[in-house]
């Protein structure tokens, strides 16, 4: 062997599957053979036939897999100082073998010559066992120890290195978030060996399988998640009479309705959310409403795609690019000190991108009035046009209240003065870090809850509300407040 280091793949099973040239090289007594691990049929057989050096001892002493592979690479290069070395790894040397690139880099740095004989991959046996053509419909191969987040299950999927019970448990948990529990999963174990296992189990059964070093999973998932939503919406658009009739304009009211329903669900979360949330029930409502809202985005993108304008992927990519562009302090070398600076820079970049003539351009007039007031004030504050602290705003609120009192009998002026008062109250809310729209919404909800309780109390007493005096209604109101403050209403009797 004239090469300093020869990297070979041992294939998916025993030595009998190796090409003659590879087998002959491994049998050459003039070479040193280093195997990554003996926990592989071909490596174990080779160790019975000749002396080999294993990297198994490093797995017990190194801090992690990266450290193991670096140590193996150093061991291979060091051995090459005494003569030609073969570094043998399970499967194909170029499929899922993180140590091989490290060996190649270390050898190059040491001025050693390297050659790679890739070998047969276990994936070849996976395609044979599953009947899946990886090219015809596309496939993805994932590492069970490091699944991507988010996980997109839109293609036939092989999950490799599901070699420990805890890895299998994590994989099943992740799959269970988007797939039905009876989804068929193929367990592939020890492929190429006489005792190989090829068995199909439901997702709920897979977690009990006794995995080993050569266990993989294969699934051809049903429509799910993001891609499932997009494909389902497209099918409905083609086959459902109602969906076929929709246009961008007919969907507007549905979009607005879903936004408000999402706001209601968010308002029901504790003020500390997402921190210190123990009750999953409010979040379940948020999940559902966000799904309804997401459908509106997908639906409009589907219609735009029909018009030849853009698709949902372009929408997602567009906002991704915008986020990168407007966060140079994260994706570039710009430095910022606080959230206020981030907001000011965001508005500055946005103004330049959209070629706005005014800082206040682009704030929709159709926004709820309280929210629009807050937005206007925040825009102005980015250039320093703002009160310094809540005390100054309180003084302004008192001033506006006085101006309203002065014109309360003037029908031509009191509307404007009331508007000024409300605008200053929104300013106060902003300086108190309170969302004025949300606070007002909660006040409305509180009034509704108390008034409904007042009605219950009146009914329990046999009274008609319109027959009660204001003093009696006030008394019932106080009783309702007390009941609600104490929790469950007391016995009406």
Protein backbone atom coordinates (compact mmCIF):
# COMPACT_ATOMS: atom_id res chain seq x y z
CA UNK A 1 0.00 0.00 0.00
CA UNK A 2 1.60 3.26 -1.13
CA UNK A 3 -0.92 5.61 0.48
CA UNK A 4 -0.18 6.74 4.03
CA UNK A 5 -3.79 6.45 5.19
CA UNK A 6 -6.53 4.45 3.47
CA UNK A 7 -10.05 5.06 4.79
CA UNK A 8 -12.45 2.20 4.03
CA UNK A 9 -16.09 1.54 4.69
CA UNK A 10 -16.88 -1.86 6.22
CA UNK A 11 -20.39 -1.95 4.78
CA UNK A 12 -23.59 -2.63 6.69
CA UNK A 13 -22.92 -6.19 7.84
CA UNK A 14 -20.15 -8.86 7.78
CA UNK A 15 -16.86 -9.17 5.92
CA UNK A 16 -18.50 -11.36 3.28
CA UNK A 17 -20.15 -8.27 1.74
CA UNK A 18 -16.86 -6.43 1.18
CA UNK A 19 -15.33 -6.11 -2.31
CA UNK A 20 -12.26 -8.32 -2.84
CA UNK A 21 -9.91 -5.33 -3.02
CA UNK A 22 -11.08 -4.02 0.33
CA UNK A 23 -10.83 -7.45 1.93
CA UNK A 24 -7.30 -7.90 0.57
CA UNK A 25 -6.19 -4.52 1.90
CA UNK A 26 -7.54 -5.32 5.35
CA UNK A 27 -5.75 -8.66 5.34
CA UNK A 28 -2.37 -7.09 4.49
CA UNK A 29 -0.11 -7.79 7.48
CA UNK A 30 2.15 -4.85 6.54
CA UNK A 31 -0.54 -2.32 7.42
CA UNK A 32 -1.91 -1.12 10.75
CA UNK A 33 -5.70 -1.31 10.94
CA UNK A 34 -7.61 1.14 13.15
CA UNK A 35 -11.37 0.57 13.47
CA UNK A 36 -13.63 3.23 14.90
CA UNK A 37 -15.55 0.62 16.87
CA UNK A 38 -15.69 -3.14 17.28
CA UNK A 39 -19.47 -2.94 17.75
CA UNK A 40 -20.04 -3.86 14.11
CA UNK A 41 -20.12 -7.33 12.50
CA UNK A 42 -17.31 -6.78 9.98
CA UNK A 43 -15.07 -5.06 12.54
CA UNK A 44 -15.60 -7.86 15.06
CA UNK A 45 -14.82 -10.54 12.46
CA UNK A 46 -11.71 -8.65 11.38
CA UNK A 47 -10.48 -8.44 14.98
CA UNK A 48 -10.73 -12.24 15.22
CA UNK A 49 -8.62 -12.68 12.09
CA UNK A 50 -5.86 -10.14 12.74
CA UNK A 51 -4.62 -7.48 15.15
CA UNK A 52 -6.59 -4.22 15.04
CA UNK A 53 -6.65 -1.05 17.09
CA UNK A 54 -10.07 0.13 18.23
CA UNK A 55 -11.36 3.55 19.26
CA UNK A 56 -13.86 2.07 21.70
CA UNK A 57 -11.78 3.03 24.74
CA UNK A 58 -12.11 6.70 23.81
CA UNK A 59 -15.89 6.60 24.08
CA UNK A 60 -15.56 5.90 27.81
CA UNK A 61 -13.07 8.68 28.57
CA UNK A 62 -13.83 11.58 26.20
CA UNK A 63 -16.22 14.39 27.12
CA UNK A 64 -18.47 13.89 24.09
CA UNK A 65 -18.69 12.55 20.55
CA UNK A 66 -16.75 15.45 19.06
CA UNK A 67 -13.90 14.81 21.48
CA UNK A 68 -14.00 11.09 20.64
CA UNK A 69 -13.72 11.71 16.90
CA UNK A 70 -10.88 14.20 17.33
CA UNK A 71 -9.00 11.70 19.48
CA UNK A 72 -9.56 8.94 16.90
CA UNK A 73 -8.25 11.20 14.13
CA UNK A 74 -5.15 11.95 16.18
CA UNK A 75 -4.65 8.22 16.82
CA UNK A 76 -4.87 7.39 13.11
CA UNK A 77 -2.42 10.12 12.11
CA UNK A 78 0.00 9.10 14.86
CA UNK A 79 -0.11 5.48 13.71
CA UNK A 80 0.67 6.59 10.15
CA UNK A 81 4.02 7.84 11.41
CA UNK A 82 5.11 4.23 11.72
CA UNK A 83 3.83 3.01 8.36
CA UNK A 84 0.68 2.69 6.23
CA UNK A 85 -2.64 2.72 8.09
CA UNK A 86 -6.14 1.63 7.20
CA UNK A 87 -8.90 3.43 9.06
CA UNK A 88 -12.07 1.28 8.88
CA UNK A 89 -15.55 2.55 9.74
CA UNK A 90 -19.01 0.96 9.69
CA UNK A 91 -21.10 1.34 6.54
CA UNK A 92 -19.93 3.85 3.98
CA UNK A 93 -16.99 6.04 4.91
CA UNK A 94 -18.85 9.08 3.55
CA UNK A 95 -22.31 8.53 5.04
CA UNK A 96 -22.89 9.61 8.61
CA UNK A 97 -19.23 9.17 9.61
CA UNK A 98 -18.29 12.37 11.42
CA UNK A 99 -14.80 11.07 12.21
CA UNK A 100 -13.76 10.69 8.57
CA UNK A 101 -13.59 14.42 7.69
CA UNK A 102 -11.51 14.94 10.84
CA UNK A 103 -9.09 12.20 9.78
CA UNK A 104 -8.82 13.71 6.30
CA UNK A 105 -8.15 17.19 7.70
CA UNK A 106 -5.59 15.95 10.25
CA UNK A 107 -3.78 13.90 7.59
CA UNK A 108 -3.62 16.85 5.20
CA UNK A 109 -2.27 19.09 7.95
CA UNK A 110 0.41 16.47 8.69
CA UNK A 111 1.37 16.20 5.01
CA UNK A 112 0.15 12.62 4.71
CA UNK A 113 -1.46 11.14 1.60
CA UNK A 114 -5.03 9.88 2.02
CA UNK A 115 -7.37 7.75 -0.09
CA UNK A 116 -11.00 6.84 0.59
CA UNK A 117 -12.84 3.69 -0.46
CA UNK A 118 -16.36 4.61 0.54
CA UNK A 119 -17.95 1.16 0.75
CA UNK A 120 -21.56 0.01 0.83
CA UNK A 121 -23.93 2.18 2.87
CA UNK A 122 -26.62 0.76 5.12
CA UNK A 123 -28.97 3.07 3.18
CA UNK A 124 -28.71 0.73 0.20
CA UNK A 125 -30.25 -1.98 2.37
CA UNK A 126 -32.86 0.48 3.69
CA UNK A 127 -34.12 1.15 0.15
CA UNK A 128 -34.22 -2.59 -0.48
CA UNK A 129 -36.10 -3.32 2.76
CA UNK A 130 -38.64 -0.52 2.39
CA UNK A 131 -39.13 -0.55 -1.38
CA UNK A 132 -38.51 3.19 -1.38
CA UNK A 133 -36.83 4.81 -4.37
CA UNK A 134 -34.96 7.76 -2.80
CA UNK A 135 -34.91 9.68 -6.08
CA UNK A 136 -38.42 9.15 -7.45
CA UNK A 137 -40.32 10.95 -4.70
CA UNK A 138 -37.50 12.38 -2.65
CA UNK A 139 -36.41 11.29 0.81
CA UNK A 140 -34.70 12.70 3.87
CA UNK A 141 -32.20 11.03 6.18
CA UNK A 142 -32.08 12.37 9.76
CA UNK A 143 -29.92 11.73 12.80
CA UNK A 144 -32.15 10.49 15.62
CA UNK A 145 -29.79 12.07 18.13
CA UNK A 146 -30.12 15.53 16.60
CA UNK A 147 -33.49 15.98 14.91
CA UNK A 148 -33.99 19.36 13.24
CA UNK A 149 -36.29 21.89 14.88
CA UNK A 150 -38.77 22.48 13.40
CA UNK A 151 -39.06 18.94 12.05
CA UNK A 152 -40.64 18.82 8.59
CA UNK A 153 -42.10 15.39 7.84
CA UNK A 154 -43.11 15.89 4.22
CA UNK A 155 -41.03 13.13 2.61
CA UNK A 156 -40.29 9.45 3.25
CA UNK A 157 -37.90 9.68 6.18
CA UNK A 158 -35.07 7.52 7.53
CA UNK A 159 -34.05 8.17 11.13
CA UNK A 160 -30.63 6.76 11.86
CA UNK A 161 -28.61 6.23 15.06
CA UNK A 162 -31.67 5.45 17.14
CA UNK A 163 -29.31 3.39 19.22
CA UNK A 164 -30.40 4.00 22.81
CA UNK A 165 -33.71 3.84 24.64
CA UNK A 166 -33.57 7.54 25.53
CA UNK A 167 -32.93 8.48 21.88
CA UNK A 168 -35.91 6.37 20.80
CA UNK A 169 -38.10 7.98 23.48
CA UNK A 170 -37.17 11.46 22.25
CA UNK A 171 -37.85 10.51 18.63
CA UNK A 172 -41.26 9.03 19.45
CA UNK A 173 -42.16 12.11 21.51
CA UNK A 174 -41.27 14.45 18.64
CA UNK A 175 -43.17 12.37 16.09
CA UNK A 176 -46.16 12.16 18.40
CA UNK A 177 -46.57 15.94 18.28
CA UNK A 178 -47.72 15.86 14.66
CA UNK A 179 -48.50 12.24 13.72
CA UNK A 180 -51.41 9.99 14.77
CA UNK A 181 -50.43 7.29 17.26
CA UNK A 182 -51.25 4.53 14.78
CA UNK A 183 -48.89 5.89 12.09
CA UNK A 184 -46.94 2.88 10.72
CA UNK A 185 -43.22 3.00 11.51
CA UNK A 186 -40.76 0.47 10.07
CA UNK A 187 -38.07 -0.65 12.49
CA UNK A 188 -34.89 -1.68 10.65
CA UNK A 189 -32.26 -3.40 12.74
CA UNK A 190 -29.03 -5.26 11.89
CA UNK A 191 -29.72 -5.04 8.17
CA UNK A 192 -27.69 -7.48 6.09
CA UNK A 193 -27.26 -9.95 8.95
CA UNK A 194 -29.03 -13.34 9.21
CA UNK A 195 -30.92 -12.06 12.27
CA UNK A 196 -31.93 -8.74 10.72
CA UNK A 197 -35.23 -7.22 11.86
CA UNK A 198 -37.69 -5.54 9.51
CA UNK A 199 -40.96 -4.98 11.32
CA UNK A 200 -43.75 -2.41 11.05
CA UNK A 201 -45.21 -1.06 14.30
CA UNK A 202 -47.64 1.69 15.19
CA UNK A 203 -46.04 4.85 16.56
CA UNK A 204 -47.45 4.04 20.00
CA UNK A 205 -45.72 0.63 19.91
CA UNK A 206 -42.30 1.69 18.67
CA UNK A 207 -41.16 3.07 22.03
CA UNK A 208 -41.06 -0.48 23.43
CA UNK A 209 -38.66 -1.84 20.80
CA UNK A 210 -35.24 -2.87 22.24
CA UNK A 211 -32.97 -0.71 20.09
CA UNK A 212 -29.28 -1.39 19.46
CA UNK A 213 -26.25 0.18 17.73
CA UNK A 214 -27.66 -0.49 14.23
CA UNK A 215 -31.32 0.43 14.70
CA UNK A 216 -33.00 2.83 12.27
CA UNK A 217 -36.60 3.88 11.68
CA UNK A 218 -38.40 4.49 8.39
CA UNK A 219 -41.72 6.22 7.85
CA UNK A 220 -43.70 7.52 4.92
CA UNK A 221 -45.71 10.11 6.86
CA UNK A 222 -49.27 11.19 6.15
CA UNK A 223 -49.91 14.88 5.46
CA UNK A 224 -48.99 16.81 8.59
CA UNK A 225 -47.70 20.09 9.93
CA UNK A 226 -46.82 23.02 7.69
CA UNK A 227 -46.66 21.10 4.42
CA UNK A 228 -49.81 19.20 5.34
CA UNK A 229 -51.68 22.45 5.92
CA UNK A 230 -50.57 23.90 2.60
CA UNK A 231 -51.47 20.76 0.62
CA UNK A 232 -54.81 20.39 2.42
CA UNK A 233 -55.73 24.00 1.67
CA UNK A 234 -54.85 23.53 -2.00
CA UNK A 235 -57.04 20.43 -2.20
CA UNK A 236 -59.95 22.19 -0.55
CA UNK A 237 -59.54 25.06 -2.98
CA UNK A 238 -59.82 22.57 -5.84
CA UNK A 239 -62.58 20.32 -4.51
CA UNK A 240 -64.71 22.15 -1.90
CA UNK A 241 -67.53 24.34 -3.31
CA UNK A 242 -67.20 26.94 -0.53
CA UNK A 243 -63.43 27.21 -0.82
CA UNK A 244 -63.65 27.52 -4.61
CA UNK A 245 -65.91 30.58 -4.28
CA UNK A 246 -63.57 32.56 -2.03
CA UNK A 247 -61.57 35.61 -3.11
CA UNK A 248 -59.15 37.85 -1.22
CA UNK A 249 -62.02 40.21 -0.47
CA UNK A 250 -64.51 37.60 0.72
CA UNK A 251 -61.91 36.33 3.19
CA UNK A 252 -61.23 39.72 4.79
CA UNK A 253 -63.95 39.44 7.42
CA UNK A 254 -62.78 35.93 8.29
CA UNK A 255 -59.25 37.25 8.72
CA UNK A 256 -60.39 40.04 11.02
CA UNK A 257 -62.55 37.65 13.01
CA UNK A 258 -59.67 35.22 13.49
CA UNK A 259 -57.39 38.04 14.62
CA UNK A 260 -59.85 39.07 17.31
CA UNK A 261 -60.41 35.50 18.42
CA UNK A 262 -56.65 35.09 18.71
CA UNK A 263 -56.45 38.28 20.75
CA UNK A 264 -59.17 36.95 23.07
CA UNK A 265 -57.25 33.70 23.56
CA UNK A 266 -54.01 35.58 24.29
CA UNK A 267 -55.78 37.86 26.74
CA UNK A 268 -56.85 34.80 28.74
CA UNK A 269 -53.21 33.88 29.41
CA UNK A 270 -51.66 34.89 32.73
CA UNK A 271 -49.78 38.18 32.70
CA UNK A 272 -46.57 36.23 33.33
CA UNK A 273 -46.91 34.10 30.17
CA UNK A 274 -44.80 32.53 28.80
CA UNK A 275 -43.11 32.38 32.20
CA UNK A 276 -44.50 30.48 35.18
CA UNK A 277 -47.53 29.00 33.37
CA UNK A 278 -48.94 25.91 35.07
CA UNK A 279 -52.36 25.61 33.42
CA UNK A 280 -52.22 24.28 29.82
CA UNK A 281 -55.90 25.01 29.11
CA UNK A 282 -55.50 28.69 28.08
CA UNK A 283 -52.59 27.75 25.84
CA UNK A 284 -54.74 25.10 24.13
CA UNK A 285 -57.09 27.88 23.05
CA UNK A 286 -54.14 29.95 21.81
CA UNK A 287 -52.88 26.98 19.79
CA UNK A 288 -56.26 26.53 18.12
CA UNK A 289 -56.72 30.22 17.31
CA UNK A 290 -53.20 30.58 15.95
CA UNK A 291 -54.00 27.67 13.64
CA UNK A 292 -57.13 29.42 12.39
CA UNK A 293 -55.13 32.59 11.83
CA UNK A 294 -52.36 30.71 10.04
CA UNK A 295 -54.94 29.20 7.69
CA UNK A 296 -55.91 32.70 6.59
CA UNK A 297 -52.29 33.44 5.65
CA UNK A 298 -51.99 30.17 3.72
CA UNK A 299 -55.36 30.71 2.00
CA UNK A 300 -54.45 34.19 0.75
CA UNK A 301 -51.06 32.91 -0.44
CA UNK A 302 -52.83 30.09 -2.31
CA UNK A 303 -55.06 32.62 -4.08
CA UNK A 304 -52.04 34.79 -4.93
CA UNK A 305 -50.30 31.73 -6.37
CA UNK A 306 -53.32 31.10 -8.61
CA UNK A 307 -52.90 34.66 -9.88
CA UNK A 308 -49.25 33.91 -10.68
CA UNK A 309 -47.96 36.37 -8.08
CA UNK A 310 -46.36 34.49 -5.18
CA UNK A 311 -46.70 31.38 -3.06
CA UNK A 312 -46.62 30.69 0.64
CA UNK A 313 -42.90 29.83 0.60
CA UNK A 314 -42.15 33.24 -0.87
CA UNK A 315 -44.19 34.82 1.93
CA UNK A 316 -42.16 32.93 4.53
CA UNK A 317 -38.86 33.74 2.82
CA UNK A 318 -39.82 37.38 2.46
CA UNK A 319 -40.43 37.84 6.17
CA UNK A 320 -37.30 35.85 6.98
CA UNK A 321 -35.18 38.19 4.88
CA UNK A 322 -36.87 41.20 6.44
CA UNK A 323 -36.08 39.94 9.94
CA UNK A 324 -32.43 39.46 9.03
CA UNK A 325 -32.23 42.85 7.33
CA UNK A 326 -33.79 44.70 10.26
CA UNK A 327 -31.72 42.97 12.93
CA UNK A 328 -28.16 43.94 11.99
CA UNK A 329 -27.27 43.72 15.69
CA UNK A 330 -27.97 39.96 15.49
CA UNK A 331 -27.03 39.06 11.92
CA UNK A 332 -24.43 41.77 11.34
CA UNK A 333 -21.86 43.75 13.28
CA UNK A 334 -24.05 46.59 14.58
CA UNK A 335 -24.04 47.04 18.37
CA UNK A 336 -27.12 48.01 20.41
CA UNK A 337 -27.56 48.47 24.14
CA UNK A 338 -31.28 48.01 24.81
CA UNK A 339 -34.69 47.21 23.35
CA UNK A 340 -35.50 50.91 22.80
CA UNK A 341 -32.48 51.25 20.51
CA UNK A 342 -33.55 48.14 18.61
CA UNK A 343 -37.03 49.60 18.07
CA UNK A 344 -35.68 52.96 16.93
CA UNK A 345 -33.31 51.30 14.47
CA UNK A 346 -36.14 49.06 13.20
CA UNK A 347 -38.31 52.07 12.42
CA UNK A 348 -35.39 53.88 10.79
CA UNK A 349 -34.63 50.92 8.53
CA UNK A 350 -38.32 50.47 7.75
CA UNK A 351 -38.72 54.13 6.80
CA UNK A 352 -35.73 53.92 4.46
CA UNK A 353 -36.90 50.65 2.86
CA UNK A 354 -40.41 51.90 2.17
CA UNK A 355 -39.25 55.40 1.16
CA UNK A 356 -41.69 57.00 3.56
CA UNK A 357 -42.18 60.74 3.60
CA UNK A 358 -43.28 60.77 7.24
CA UNK A 359 -42.32 58.72 10.26
CA UNK A 360 -46.04 58.09 10.74
CA UNK A 361 -46.64 56.65 7.27
CA UNK A 362 -47.81 53.04 7.18
CA UNK A 363 -49.86 53.02 10.38
CA UNK A 364 -53.23 51.62 9.26
CA UNK A 365 -56.21 53.90 9.85
CA UNK A 366 -58.37 50.78 10.26
CA UNK A 367 -56.53 49.79 13.47
CA UNK A 368 -58.56 49.96 16.70
CA UNK A 369 -58.28 53.54 17.95
CA UNK A 370 -56.44 52.75 21.17
CA UNK A 371 -53.91 50.58 19.35
CA UNK A 372 -53.41 53.22 16.66
CA UNK A 373 -52.83 55.90 19.29
CA UNK A 374 -50.21 53.69 20.93
CA UNK A 375 -48.53 53.05 17.56
CA UNK A 376 -48.47 56.75 16.66
CA UNK A 377 -46.93 57.64 20.02
CA UNK A 378 -44.31 54.91 19.80
CA UNK A 379 -43.27 56.06 16.33
CA UNK A 380 -42.88 59.64 17.52
CA UNK A 381 -40.96 58.46 20.58
CA UNK A 382 -38.26 56.89 18.39
CA UNK A 383 -36.97 60.40 17.61
CA UNK A 384 -37.29 61.63 21.20
CA UNK A 385 -40.73 63.24 20.96
CA UNK A 386 -42.04 61.78 24.21
CA UNK A 387 -42.61 62.44 27.91
CA UNK A 388 -39.76 61.54 30.23
CA UNK A 389 -41.70 59.65 32.91
CA UNK A 390 -45.24 58.69 34.02
CA UNK A 391 -45.47 61.68 36.37
CA UNK A 392 -45.32 64.10 33.44
CA UNK A 393 -48.01 62.13 31.62
CA UNK A 394 -50.23 62.13 34.69
CA UNK A 395 -49.99 65.90 34.75
CA UNK A 396 -50.98 65.95 31.07
CA UNK A 397 -53.97 63.67 31.79
CA UNK A 398 -55.08 66.05 34.56
CA UNK A 399 -54.69 69.00 32.17
CA UNK A 400 -56.78 67.31 29.49
CA UNK A 401 -59.43 66.37 32.05
CA UNK A 402 -59.63 70.01 33.12
CA UNK A 403 -60.05 71.13 29.50
CA UNK A 404 -62.88 68.62 29.07
CA UNK A 405 -64.60 69.82 32.22
CA UNK A 406 -64.48 73.35 30.85
CA UNK A 407 -66.40 72.42 27.67
CA UNK A 408 -68.60 69.59 28.92
CA UNK A 409 -71.71 71.60 28.03
CA UNK A 410 -70.41 72.51 24.56
CA UNK A 411 -71.47 69.76 22.09
CA UNK A 412 -69.14 71.15 19.42
CA UNK A 413 -65.96 70.95 21.48
CA UNK A 414 -66.43 68.22 24.09
CA UNK A 415 -65.86 65.40 21.58
CA UNK A 416 -62.45 66.76 20.62
CA UNK A 417 -61.45 67.33 24.23
CA UNK A 418 -62.58 63.83 25.19
CA UNK A 419 -60.44 62.48 22.34
CA UNK A 420 -57.42 64.42 23.66
CA UNK A 421 -58.05 62.97 27.12
CA UNK A 422 -58.21 59.42 25.76
CA UNK A 423 -55.05 60.00 23.73
CA UNK A 424 -53.21 61.16 26.86
CA UNK A 425 -54.49 58.13 28.80
CA UNK A 426 -53.04 55.85 26.11
CA UNK A 427 -49.77 57.74 26.55
CA UNK A 428 -49.93 57.06 30.28
CA UNK A 429 -50.57 53.37 29.66
CA UNK A 430 -47.52 53.23 27.40
CA UNK A 431 -45.32 54.82 30.06
CA UNK A 432 -46.65 52.36 32.62
CA UNK A 433 -45.80 49.48 30.24
CA UNK A 434 -49.48 48.60 29.99
CA UNK A 435 -51.12 47.66 26.69
CA UNK A 436 -54.01 50.14 26.55
CA UNK A 437 -56.06 48.01 24.15
CA UNK A 438 -55.61 44.91 26.30
CA UNK A 439 -56.29 46.81 29.52
CA UNK A 440 -59.49 48.24 28.06
CA UNK A 441 -60.49 44.81 26.80
CA UNK A 442 -60.01 43.37 30.29
CA UNK A 443 -62.03 46.23 31.77
CA UNK A 444 -64.84 45.39 29.36
CA UNK A 445 -64.64 41.72 30.30
CA UNK A 446 -64.65 42.60 33.99
CA UNK A 447 -67.72 44.81 33.58
CA UNK A 448 -69.52 42.08 31.63
CA UNK A 449 -68.72 39.42 34.23
CA UNK A 450 -69.87 41.59 37.12
CA UNK A 451 -73.04 42.72 35.37
CA UNK A 452 -73.96 39.12 34.54
CA UNK A 453 -73.51 38.30 38.22
CA UNK A 454 -75.72 41.27 39.12
CA UNK A 455 -78.41 39.85 36.81
CA UNK A 456 -78.11 36.44 38.50
CA UNK A 457 -78.53 38.00 41.95
CA UNK A 458 -81.57 39.99 40.84
CA UNK A 459 -83.17 36.93 39.27
CA UNK A 460 -82.50 34.84 42.40
CA UNK A 461 -84.30 37.52 44.44
CA UNK A 462 -87.24 37.61 42.03
CA UNK A 463 -86.50 41.19 40.94
CA UNK A 464 -86.68 42.85 37.54
CA UNK A 465 -83.69 45.09 36.86
CA UNK A 466 -85.79 47.88 35.35
CA UNK A 467 -87.88 47.99 38.53
CA UNK A 468 -84.90 48.55 40.82
CA UNK A 469 -83.62 51.95 41.88
CA UNK A 470 -80.06 53.06 41.15
CA UNK A 471 -79.22 52.59 44.84
CA UNK A 472 -80.50 49.01 44.69
CA UNK A 473 -78.55 48.34 41.50
CA UNK A 474 -75.42 49.78 43.14
CA UNK A 475 -75.91 47.45 46.09
CA UNK A 476 -76.25 44.45 43.77
CA UNK A 477 -73.14 45.63 41.90
CA UNK A 478 -71.13 45.72 45.13
CA UNK A 479 -72.45 42.27 46.06
CA UNK A 480 -71.47 40.94 42.62
CA UNK A 481 -67.94 42.35 42.99
CA UNK A 482 -67.63 40.74 46.41
CA UNK A 483 -68.89 37.37 45.17
CA UNK A 484 -66.47 37.31 42.24
CA UNK A 485 -63.57 38.41 44.44
CA UNK A 486 -64.26 35.49 46.76
CA UNK A 487 -64.40 32.95 43.94
CA UNK A 488 -67.45 30.75 43.41
CA UNK A 489 -70.76 32.58 44.01
CA UNK A 490 -72.45 31.74 47.34
CA UNK A 491 -75.81 29.96 47.54
CA UNK A 492 -78.46 32.36 46.19
CA UNK A 493 -80.93 31.17 48.83
